[in-house]
Amino acid sequence: MVALLLAPGFEEVEAVTPADFLRRAGVEVRLVGIGGRDIEGSHGIRVQADLTIEELREEPEAVIVPGGMPGAANIAASPAAVALIRRLHEKKKLVAAICAAPAVVLAPAGVLAGKRATCFPGLEDQLAGARFTQNRVVVDGNVVTSRGPGTSAEFAVKLIELLVGRDKALEIHRRTLQPGG
């Protein structure tokens, strides 16, 4: 099971695209609300979380942190969310973040120390302890980071590759990102 964290002000594309692509690949994705189940994104789209962070009992095999502001800041302000991210990172489970989340959530949580990472343009100076790269999707060990809404599909396909395998990632890529797929 993969936990995808949602907090008020999350970037909708960065949350829904990975959730959708991973579910197409057969991965169980649970939308985990910070501050409730009915979460409004940064562009006014409301999403119903499957459960709240307080209700999460099963330890996920991975966590995904979408960006968006103030969504990323709201996740960073949640002790339960930060504890989950740190715990999974310490256990070498997959920790993935996109857009503002690498800089606003992962770096302050200590997850990026010594790692190559990327983030939304303009936030590079907030990647404390990380080695910034401009690549659209960056994998360093168990940490995956990506640039922003425009890289959400590539980010999702990379997560499928890491969680399910290259063949399934290529299948989902063909079905979603290639003309006539």
N, C-alpha and C. Protein backbone atom coordinates (compact mmCIF):
# COMPACT_ATOMS: atom_id res chain seq x y z
N MET A 1 0.84 -1.18 0.00
CA MET A 1 0.00 0.00 0.00
C MET A 1 0.89 1.25 0.00
N VAL A 2 0.45 2.21 -0.79
CA VAL A 2 1.14 3.49 -0.89
C VAL A 2 0.25 4.56 -0.27
N ALA A 3 0.82 5.39 0.60
CA ALA A 3 0.08 6.50 1.21
C ALA A 3 0.41 7.77 0.43
N LEU A 4 -0.61 8.43 -0.08
CA LEU A 4 -0.44 9.70 -0.77
C LEU A 4 -1.05 10.76 0.13
N LEU A 5 -0.21 11.65 0.65
CA LEU A 5 -0.65 12.64 1.62
C LEU A 5 -1.33 13.83 0.95
N LEU A 6 -2.47 14.22 1.50
CA LEU A 6 -3.23 15.39 1.01
C LEU A 6 -3.46 16.35 2.15
N ALA A 7 -3.07 17.59 1.96
CA ALA A 7 -3.33 18.64 2.95
C ALA A 7 -3.97 19.81 2.21
N PRO A 8 -4.73 20.63 2.92
CA PRO A 8 -5.35 21.79 2.26
C PRO A 8 -4.31 22.60 1.48
N GLY A 9 -4.65 22.88 0.21
CA GLY A 9 -3.75 23.63 -0.65
C GLY A 9 -2.81 22.77 -1.47
N PHE A 10 -3.05 21.44 -1.52
CA PHE A 10 -2.20 20.56 -2.32
C PHE A 10 -2.37 20.88 -3.81
N GLU A 11 -1.36 20.56 -4.59
CA GLU A 11 -1.42 20.73 -6.05
C GLU A 11 -2.15 19.52 -6.63
N GLU A 12 -3.30 19.75 -7.21
CA GLU A 12 -4.18 18.68 -7.66
C GLU A 12 -3.53 17.73 -8.65
N VAL A 13 -2.87 18.24 -9.68
CA VAL A 13 -2.26 17.40 -10.70
C VAL A 13 -1.20 16.48 -10.08
N GLU A 14 -0.46 17.00 -9.14
CA GLU A 14 0.63 16.24 -8.51
C GLU A 14 0.12 15.15 -7.57
N ALA A 15 -1.12 15.24 -7.17
CA ALA A 15 -1.71 14.21 -6.32
C ALA A 15 -2.51 13.21 -7.15
N VAL A 16 -3.38 13.72 -8.00
CA VAL A 16 -4.29 12.84 -8.74
C VAL A 16 -3.55 12.02 -9.79
N THR A 17 -2.58 12.59 -10.49
CA THR A 17 -1.87 11.84 -11.52
C THR A 17 -1.15 10.62 -10.95
N PRO A 18 -0.31 10.76 -9.91
CA PRO A 18 0.31 9.56 -9.36
C PRO A 18 -0.71 8.56 -8.81
N ALA A 19 -1.75 9.03 -8.15
CA ALA A 19 -2.77 8.12 -7.61
C ALA A 19 -3.41 7.34 -8.75
N ASP A 20 -3.80 8.03 -9.81
CA ASP A 20 -4.45 7.40 -10.95
C ASP A 20 -3.51 6.41 -11.64
N PHE A 21 -2.30 6.83 -11.99
CA PHE A 21 -1.37 5.96 -12.71
C PHE A 21 -1.03 4.73 -11.88
N LEU A 22 -0.76 4.92 -10.59
CA LEU A 22 -0.42 3.78 -9.73
C LEU A 22 -1.58 2.80 -9.63
N ARG A 23 -2.79 3.32 -9.50
CA ARG A 23 -3.96 2.42 -9.45
C ARG A 23 -4.12 1.68 -10.76
N ARG A 24 -3.87 2.32 -11.89
CA ARG A 24 -3.92 1.63 -13.19
C ARG A 24 -2.91 0.49 -13.23
N ALA A 25 -1.81 0.64 -12.50
CA ALA A 25 -0.76 -0.38 -12.45
C ALA A 25 -1.05 -1.46 -11.40
N GLY A 26 -2.19 -1.34 -10.73
CA GLY A 26 -2.56 -2.35 -9.74
C GLY A 26 -2.04 -2.10 -8.34
N VAL A 27 -1.50 -0.92 -8.10
CA VAL A 27 -0.97 -0.58 -6.78
C VAL A 27 -2.10 -0.01 -5.92
N GLU A 28 -2.19 -0.49 -4.70
CA GLU A 28 -3.16 0.07 -3.76
C GLU A 28 -2.64 1.42 -3.27
N VAL A 29 -3.39 2.47 -3.57
CA VAL A 29 -3.03 3.82 -3.14
C VAL A 29 -4.11 4.29 -2.19
N ARG A 30 -3.70 4.74 -1.03
CA ARG A 30 -4.63 5.31 -0.06
C ARG A 30 -4.38 6.81 0.02
N LEU A 31 -5.42 7.60 -0.23
CA LEU A 31 -5.33 9.05 -0.08
C LEU A 31 -5.49 9.36 1.40
N VAL A 32 -4.46 9.94 1.98
CA VAL A 32 -4.41 10.16 3.43
C VAL A 32 -4.51 11.65 3.71
N GLY A 33 -5.62 12.04 4.34
CA GLY A 33 -5.87 13.45 4.61
C GLY A 33 -5.16 13.96 5.86
N ILE A 34 -4.62 15.16 5.73
CA ILE A 34 -4.04 15.88 6.86
C ILE A 34 -5.08 16.94 7.24
N GLY A 35 -5.64 16.83 8.43
CA GLY A 35 -6.63 17.81 8.86
C GLY A 35 -8.06 17.47 8.44
N GLY A 36 -8.31 16.22 8.09
CA GLY A 36 -9.66 15.80 7.73
C GLY A 36 -9.65 14.96 6.47
N ARG A 37 -10.85 14.62 6.00
CA ARG A 37 -10.98 13.78 4.80
C ARG A 37 -11.35 14.60 3.57
N ASP A 38 -12.06 15.69 3.75
CA ASP A 38 -12.48 16.53 2.63
C ASP A 38 -11.43 17.63 2.47
N ILE A 39 -10.58 17.47 1.46
CA ILE A 39 -9.42 18.35 1.31
C ILE A 39 -9.55 19.17 0.03
N GLU A 40 -9.40 20.47 0.14
CA GLU A 40 -9.46 21.34 -1.03
C GLU A 40 -8.05 21.66 -1.51
N GLY A 41 -7.84 21.46 -2.81
CA GLY A 41 -6.54 21.73 -3.41
C GLY A 41 -6.31 23.21 -3.65
N SER A 42 -5.14 23.52 -4.15
CA SER A 42 -4.74 24.91 -4.36
C SER A 42 -5.53 25.61 -5.46
N HIS A 43 -6.25 24.84 -6.28
CA HIS A 43 -7.05 25.43 -7.35
C HIS A 43 -8.53 25.16 -7.15
N GLY A 44 -8.93 24.92 -5.91
CA GLY A 44 -10.34 24.81 -5.57
C GLY A 44 -10.98 23.47 -5.85
N ILE A 45 -10.21 22.47 -6.25
CA ILE A 45 -10.76 21.14 -6.49
C ILE A 45 -10.74 20.37 -5.17
N ARG A 46 -11.90 19.84 -4.79
CA ARG A 46 -12.01 19.10 -3.54
C ARG A 46 -11.82 17.61 -3.80
N VAL A 47 -11.06 16.97 -2.94
CA VAL A 47 -10.81 15.54 -3.05
C VAL A 47 -11.16 14.91 -1.70
N GLN A 48 -11.82 13.77 -1.77
CA GLN A 48 -12.19 13.02 -0.57
C GLN A 48 -11.08 12.01 -0.27
N ALA A 49 -10.40 12.19 0.84
CA ALA A 49 -9.36 11.24 1.24
C ALA A 49 -10.01 9.93 1.71
N ASP A 50 -9.27 8.85 1.59
CA ASP A 50 -9.76 7.55 2.05
C ASP A 50 -9.79 7.46 3.57
N LEU A 51 -8.84 8.13 4.20
CA LEU A 51 -8.74 8.15 5.66
C LEU A 51 -7.85 9.32 6.06
N THR A 52 -7.85 9.63 7.34
CA THR A 52 -6.98 10.70 7.84
C THR A 52 -5.66 10.08 8.30
N ILE A 53 -4.67 10.91 8.49
CA ILE A 53 -3.37 10.42 8.96
C ILE A 53 -3.51 9.76 10.33
N GLU A 54 -4.44 10.25 11.14
CA GLU A 54 -4.66 9.65 12.46
C GLU A 54 -5.28 8.26 12.35
N GLU A 55 -5.98 7.99 11.26
CA GLU A 55 -6.63 6.69 11.06
C GLU A 55 -5.73 5.67 10.38
N LEU A 56 -4.59 6.10 9.89
CA LEU A 56 -3.67 5.22 9.18
C LEU A 56 -3.05 4.23 10.17
N ARG A 57 -3.37 2.96 10.02
CA ARG A 57 -2.85 1.93 10.93
C ARG A 57 -1.79 1.06 10.25
N GLU A 58 -2.00 0.78 8.98
CA GLU A 58 -1.10 -0.07 8.22
C GLU A 58 0.12 0.75 7.78
N GLU A 59 1.30 0.17 7.95
CA GLU A 59 2.49 0.89 7.50
C GLU A 59 2.61 0.76 5.99
N PRO A 60 2.66 1.90 5.29
CA PRO A 60 2.78 1.86 3.84
C PRO A 60 4.15 1.37 3.39
N GLU A 61 4.20 0.89 2.14
CA GLU A 61 5.50 0.54 1.54
C GLU A 61 6.14 1.76 0.92
N ALA A 62 5.33 2.83 0.76
CA ALA A 62 5.84 4.07 0.18
C ALA A 62 4.93 5.22 0.59
N VAL A 63 5.49 6.44 0.52
CA VAL A 63 4.71 7.65 0.77
C VAL A 63 4.99 8.63 -0.36
N ILE A 64 3.92 9.29 -0.80
CA ILE A 64 4.04 10.30 -1.85
C ILE A 64 3.56 11.63 -1.28
N VAL A 65 4.36 12.67 -1.50
CA VAL A 65 4.03 14.00 -0.98
C VAL A 65 3.91 14.97 -2.16
N PRO A 66 2.67 15.35 -2.50
CA PRO A 66 2.50 16.34 -3.56
C PRO A 66 2.90 17.73 -3.06
N GLY A 67 3.17 18.60 -4.00
CA GLY A 67 3.50 19.98 -3.65
C GLY A 67 2.26 20.84 -3.61
N GLY A 68 2.42 22.05 -4.08
CA GLY A 68 1.35 23.03 -3.96
C GLY A 68 1.50 23.79 -2.66
N MET A 69 1.09 25.02 -2.70
CA MET A 69 1.16 25.83 -1.48
C MET A 69 -0.21 26.40 -1.21
N PRO A 70 -0.65 26.31 0.02
CA PRO A 70 0.12 25.94 1.21
C PRO A 70 0.11 24.45 1.54
N GLY A 71 -0.27 23.59 0.59
CA GLY A 71 -0.36 22.16 0.85
C GLY A 71 0.91 21.56 1.42
N ALA A 72 2.04 21.83 0.77
CA ALA A 72 3.31 21.28 1.25
C ALA A 72 3.63 21.79 2.65
N ALA A 73 3.40 23.07 2.88
CA ALA A 73 3.65 23.63 4.21
C ALA A 73 2.73 23.00 5.25
N ASN A 74 1.50 22.70 4.87
CA ASN A 74 0.57 22.06 5.81
C ASN A 74 1.00 20.64 6.15
N ILE A 75 1.58 19.94 5.18
CA ILE A 75 2.12 18.60 5.48
C ILE A 75 3.34 18.73 6.38
N ALA A 76 4.21 19.68 6.09
CA ALA A 76 5.40 19.89 6.93
C ALA A 76 5.04 20.25 8.36
N ALA A 77 3.88 20.88 8.54
CA ALA A 77 3.44 21.29 9.88
C ALA A 77 2.74 20.17 10.64
N SER A 78 2.54 19.03 10.01
CA SER A 78 1.88 17.89 10.65
C SER A 78 2.91 16.95 11.27
N PRO A 79 3.00 16.90 12.61
CA PRO A 79 3.95 15.99 13.24
C PRO A 79 3.73 14.54 12.81
N ALA A 80 2.48 14.13 12.62
CA ALA A 80 2.20 12.75 12.22
C ALA A 80 2.71 12.47 10.81
N ALA A 81 2.54 13.42 9.90
CA ALA A 81 3.02 13.24 8.53
C ALA A 81 4.54 13.19 8.48
N VAL A 82 5.19 14.10 9.19
CA VAL A 82 6.67 14.13 9.20
C VAL A 82 7.21 12.85 9.84
N ALA A 83 6.57 12.38 10.91
CA ALA A 83 7.01 11.14 11.56
C ALA A 83 6.89 9.95 10.60
N LEU A 84 5.79 9.89 9.84
CA LEU A 84 5.60 8.81 8.87
C LEU A 84 6.70 8.86 7.81
N ILE A 85 6.96 10.04 7.26
CA ILE A 85 7.98 10.20 6.22
C ILE A 85 9.34 9.78 6.76
N ARG A 86 9.70 10.25 7.93
CA ARG A 86 11.01 9.90 8.53
C ARG A 86 11.11 8.40 8.80
N ARG A 87 10.03 7.80 9.32
CA ARG A 87 10.04 6.37 9.64
C ARG A 87 10.24 5.53 8.37
N LEU A 88 9.52 5.87 7.31
CA LEU A 88 9.67 5.11 6.07
C LEU A 88 11.07 5.30 5.49
N HIS A 89 11.57 6.52 5.56
CA HIS A 89 12.92 6.80 5.05
C HIS A 89 13.97 5.99 5.82
N GLU A 90 13.85 5.96 7.13
CA GLU A 90 14.80 5.20 7.96
C GLU A 90 14.76 3.71 7.64
N LYS A 91 13.59 3.22 7.24
CA LYS A 91 13.43 1.81 6.88
C LYS A 91 13.75 1.55 5.41
N LYS A 92 14.26 2.59 4.71
CA LYS A 92 14.63 2.50 3.30
C LYS A 92 13.44 2.20 2.39
N LYS A 93 12.25 2.58 2.83
CA LYS A 93 11.07 2.46 1.99
C LYS A 93 11.01 3.71 1.11
N LEU A 94 10.25 3.61 0.04
CA LEU A 94 10.19 4.68 -0.95
C LEU A 94 9.53 5.94 -0.38
N VAL A 95 10.23 7.07 -0.52
CA VAL A 95 9.73 8.38 -0.14
C VAL A 95 9.80 9.25 -1.40
N ALA A 96 8.64 9.73 -1.84
CA ALA A 96 8.58 10.49 -3.09
C ALA A 96 7.92 11.83 -2.86
N ALA A 97 8.46 12.87 -3.48
CA ALA A 97 7.90 14.22 -3.33
C ALA A 97 8.11 14.99 -4.62
N ILE A 98 7.19 15.89 -4.88
CA ILE A 98 7.21 16.65 -6.13
C ILE A 98 6.97 18.13 -5.86
N CYS A 99 7.51 18.97 -6.71
CA CYS A 99 7.26 20.42 -6.71
C CYS A 99 7.88 21.09 -5.48
N ALA A 100 7.07 21.71 -4.65
CA ALA A 100 7.57 22.37 -3.44
C ALA A 100 7.89 21.37 -2.34
N ALA A 101 7.29 20.19 -2.39
CA ALA A 101 7.43 19.23 -1.28
C ALA A 101 8.86 18.79 -0.98
N PRO A 102 9.74 18.57 -1.98
CA PRO A 102 11.11 18.23 -1.60
C PRO A 102 11.77 19.30 -0.73
N ALA A 103 11.56 20.58 -1.08
CA ALA A 103 12.18 21.68 -0.34
C ALA A 103 11.46 21.98 0.96
N VAL A 104 10.14 21.93 0.95
CA VAL A 104 9.34 22.37 2.10
C VAL A 104 9.11 21.25 3.11
N VAL A 105 9.07 19.99 2.63
CA VAL A 105 8.77 18.86 3.52
C VAL A 105 10.00 17.97 3.74
N LEU A 106 10.57 17.45 2.66
CA LEU A 106 11.65 16.46 2.82
C LEU A 106 12.94 17.04 3.37
N ALA A 107 13.37 18.19 2.86
CA ALA A 107 14.63 18.77 3.34
C ALA A 107 14.58 19.07 4.84
N PRO A 108 13.55 19.78 5.34
CA PRO A 108 13.51 20.03 6.78
C PRO A 108 13.39 18.76 7.62
N ALA A 109 12.83 17.70 7.04
CA ALA A 109 12.70 16.43 7.77
C ALA A 109 14.01 15.65 7.77
N GLY A 110 15.03 16.15 7.05
CA GLY A 110 16.32 15.48 7.02
C GLY A 110 16.43 14.36 6.00
N VAL A 111 15.42 14.18 5.17
CA VAL A 111 15.39 13.08 4.22
C VAL A 111 16.35 13.28 3.05
N LEU A 112 16.67 14.51 2.71
CA LEU A 112 17.49 14.77 1.53
C LEU A 112 18.98 14.91 1.82
N ALA A 113 19.39 14.77 3.05
CA ALA A 113 20.80 14.95 3.41
C ALA A 113 21.70 14.04 2.58
N GLY A 114 22.60 14.66 1.80
CA GLY A 114 23.54 13.92 0.98
C GLY A 114 22.96 13.32 -0.28
N LYS A 115 21.71 13.57 -0.58
CA LYS A 115 21.04 12.99 -1.75
C LYS A 115 20.99 13.98 -2.91
N ARG A 116 20.94 13.45 -4.11
CA ARG A 116 20.62 14.25 -5.28
C ARG A 116 19.12 14.45 -5.28
N ALA A 117 18.65 15.65 -5.60
CA ALA A 117 17.21 15.93 -5.59
C ALA A 117 16.90 17.09 -6.51
N THR A 118 15.63 17.22 -6.82
CA THR A 118 15.14 18.35 -7.59
C THR A 118 13.88 18.87 -6.93
N CYS A 119 13.39 20.01 -7.42
CA CYS A 119 12.19 20.62 -6.85
C CYS A 119 11.67 21.67 -7.82
N PHE A 120 10.63 22.36 -7.42
CA PHE A 120 10.05 23.41 -8.24
C PHE A 120 11.09 24.53 -8.44
N PRO A 121 11.21 25.04 -9.67
CA PRO A 121 12.19 26.11 -9.93
C PRO A 121 11.99 27.31 -8.99
N GLY A 122 13.10 27.75 -8.41
CA GLY A 122 13.08 28.87 -7.49
C GLY A 122 13.19 28.45 -6.03
N LEU A 123 13.00 27.14 -5.76
CA LEU A 123 13.10 26.65 -4.38
C LEU A 123 14.40 25.89 -4.12
N GLU A 124 15.29 25.90 -5.10
CA GLU A 124 16.53 25.13 -5.00
C GLU A 124 17.33 25.46 -3.73
N ASP A 125 17.32 26.72 -3.34
CA ASP A 125 18.11 27.13 -2.16
C ASP A 125 17.54 26.57 -0.86
N GLN A 126 16.35 25.99 -0.91
CA GLN A 126 15.74 25.40 0.28
C GLN A 126 15.99 23.90 0.39
N LEU A 127 16.74 23.34 -0.55
CA LEU A 127 17.05 21.90 -0.50
C LEU A 127 18.25 21.65 0.41
N ALA A 128 18.15 22.06 1.63
CA ALA A 128 19.24 21.97 2.60
C ALA A 128 19.80 20.55 2.67
N GLY A 129 21.10 20.44 2.45
CA GLY A 129 21.79 19.17 2.56
C GLY A 129 21.75 18.33 1.30
N ALA A 130 20.97 18.73 0.30
CA ALA A 130 20.85 17.96 -0.94
C ALA A 130 21.76 18.53 -2.03
N ARG A 131 22.01 17.71 -3.02
CA ARG A 131 22.73 18.16 -4.22
C ARG A 131 21.69 18.36 -5.31
N PHE A 132 21.40 19.61 -5.64
CA PHE A 132 20.35 19.94 -6.60
C PHE A 132 20.73 19.52 -8.01
N THR A 133 19.75 18.98 -8.73
CA THR A 133 19.88 18.69 -10.15
C THR A 133 18.62 19.19 -10.85
N GLN A 134 18.76 19.61 -12.09
CA GLN A 134 17.61 20.12 -12.84
C GLN A 134 16.82 19.03 -13.55
N ASN A 135 17.20 17.78 -13.37
CA ASN A 135 16.46 16.70 -14.02
C ASN A 135 15.00 16.74 -13.61
N ARG A 136 14.14 16.27 -14.50
CA ARG A 136 12.70 16.32 -14.25
C ARG A 136 12.26 15.36 -13.15
N VAL A 137 12.89 14.21 -13.08
CA VAL A 137 12.64 13.21 -12.03
C VAL A 137 14.00 12.71 -11.57
N VAL A 138 14.22 12.68 -10.27
CA VAL A 138 15.51 12.26 -9.73
C VAL A 138 15.28 11.13 -8.72
N VAL A 139 16.03 10.05 -8.89
CA VAL A 139 15.99 8.93 -7.94
C VAL A 139 17.36 8.84 -7.30
N ASP A 140 17.40 8.86 -5.98
CA ASP A 140 18.65 8.65 -5.24
C ASP A 140 18.32 7.73 -4.08
N GLY A 141 18.70 6.48 -4.24
CA GLY A 141 18.37 5.49 -3.22
C GLY A 141 16.86 5.30 -3.16
N ASN A 142 16.31 5.47 -1.98
CA ASN A 142 14.87 5.28 -1.77
C ASN A 142 14.08 6.58 -1.91
N VAL A 143 14.73 7.65 -2.36
CA VAL A 143 14.07 8.96 -2.46
C VAL A 143 13.89 9.34 -3.92
N VAL A 144 12.66 9.76 -4.25
CA VAL A 144 12.33 10.21 -5.61
C VAL A 144 11.79 11.62 -5.50
N THR A 145 12.34 12.52 -6.30
CA THR A 145 11.85 13.90 -6.33
C THR A 145 11.57 14.30 -7.78
N SER A 146 10.70 15.30 -7.94
CA SER A 146 10.34 15.76 -9.28
C SER A 146 10.03 17.24 -9.25
N ARG A 147 9.98 17.87 -10.42
CA ARG A 147 9.94 19.33 -10.55
C ARG A 147 8.60 19.99 -10.29
N GLY A 148 7.49 19.46 -10.83
CA GLY A 148 6.23 20.16 -10.65
C GLY A 148 5.09 19.55 -11.44
N PRO A 149 3.98 20.27 -11.58
CA PRO A 149 2.81 19.71 -12.25
C PRO A 149 3.11 19.13 -13.63
N GLY A 150 3.97 19.78 -14.37
CA GLY A 150 4.30 19.32 -15.72
C GLY A 150 5.11 18.05 -15.78
N THR A 151 5.63 17.60 -14.65
CA THR A 151 6.40 16.35 -14.61
C THR A 151 5.66 15.25 -13.86
N SER A 152 4.41 15.49 -13.53
CA SER A 152 3.64 14.54 -12.72
C SER A 152 3.51 13.16 -13.35
N ALA A 153 3.30 13.10 -14.67
CA ALA A 153 3.15 11.80 -15.33
C ALA A 153 4.46 11.03 -15.32
N GLU A 154 5.58 11.71 -15.61
CA GLU A 154 6.89 11.05 -15.57
C GLU A 154 7.20 10.56 -14.16
N PHE A 155 6.89 11.38 -13.18
CA PHE A 155 7.06 11.04 -11.77
C PHE A 155 6.27 9.76 -11.45
N ALA A 156 5.01 9.73 -11.88
CA ALA A 156 4.15 8.58 -11.60
C ALA A 156 4.68 7.31 -12.27
N VAL A 157 5.11 7.42 -13.51
CA VAL A 157 5.64 6.26 -14.23
C VAL A 157 6.91 5.74 -13.54
N LYS A 158 7.76 6.64 -13.06
CA LYS A 158 8.98 6.22 -12.34
C LYS A 158 8.60 5.49 -11.05
N LEU A 159 7.58 5.98 -10.35
CA LEU A 159 7.13 5.30 -9.13
C LEU A 159 6.62 3.90 -9.44
N ILE A 160 5.90 3.76 -10.54
CA ILE A 160 5.43 2.43 -10.96
C ILE A 160 6.62 1.52 -11.22
N GLU A 161 7.62 2.03 -11.92
CA GLU A 161 8.81 1.23 -12.20
C GLU A 161 9.46 0.74 -10.92
N LEU A 162 9.58 1.62 -9.94
CA LEU A 162 10.24 1.26 -8.69
C LEU A 162 9.40 0.33 -7.82
N LEU A 163 8.09 0.46 -7.88
CA LEU A 163 7.21 -0.34 -7.03
C LEU A 163 6.76 -1.66 -7.67
N VAL A 164 6.58 -1.66 -9.00
CA VAL A 164 6.00 -2.82 -9.67
C VAL A 164 6.96 -3.42 -10.70
N GLY A 165 7.77 -2.59 -11.31
CA GLY A 165 8.71 -3.09 -12.30
C GLY A 165 8.64 -2.32 -13.61
N ARG A 166 9.69 -2.47 -14.38
CA ARG A 166 9.82 -1.73 -15.64
C ARG A 166 8.75 -2.09 -16.66
N ASP A 167 8.40 -3.37 -16.76
CA ASP A 167 7.40 -3.78 -17.74
C ASP A 167 6.06 -3.08 -17.50
N LYS A 168 5.63 -3.05 -16.25
CA LYS A 168 4.35 -2.40 -15.93
C LYS A 168 4.46 -0.89 -16.16
N ALA A 169 5.59 -0.30 -15.83
CA ALA A 169 5.78 1.14 -16.06
C ALA A 169 5.69 1.45 -17.56
N LEU A 170 6.31 0.62 -18.39
CA LEU A 170 6.24 0.83 -19.84
C LEU A 170 4.81 0.66 -20.35
N GLU A 171 4.09 -0.31 -19.80
CA GLU A 171 2.70 -0.51 -20.20
C GLU A 171 1.85 0.72 -19.87
N ILE A 172 1.98 1.23 -18.66
CA ILE A 172 1.21 2.41 -18.26
C ILE A 172 1.64 3.61 -19.08
N HIS A 173 2.92 3.74 -19.35
CA HIS A 173 3.41 4.84 -20.19
C HIS A 173 2.76 4.77 -21.57
N ARG A 174 2.75 3.58 -22.16
CA ARG A 174 2.13 3.41 -23.48
C ARG A 174 0.63 3.75 -23.44
N ARG A 175 -0.05 3.32 -22.40
CA ARG A 175 -1.50 3.52 -22.31
C ARG A 175 -1.89 4.95 -21.99
N THR A 176 -0.99 5.72 -21.41
CA THR A 176 -1.38 7.07 -20.96
C THR A 176 -0.63 8.21 -21.64
N LEU A 177 0.58 7.96 -22.08
CA LEU A 177 1.42 9.06 -22.57
C LEU A 177 1.78 8.98 -24.04
N GLN A 178 1.42 7.89 -24.70
CA GLN A 178 1.75 7.77 -26.11
C GLN A 178 0.48 7.89 -26.96
N PRO A 179 0.56 8.63 -28.04
CA PRO A 179 -0.61 8.76 -28.93
C PRO A 179 -1.08 7.39 -29.39
N GLY A 180 -2.38 7.17 -29.32
CA GLY A 180 -2.95 5.90 -29.75
C GLY A 180 -2.72 4.76 -28.79
N GLY A 181 -2.17 5.07 -27.60
CA GLY A 181 -1.85 4.05 -26.61
C GLY A 181 -3.06 3.46 -26.01
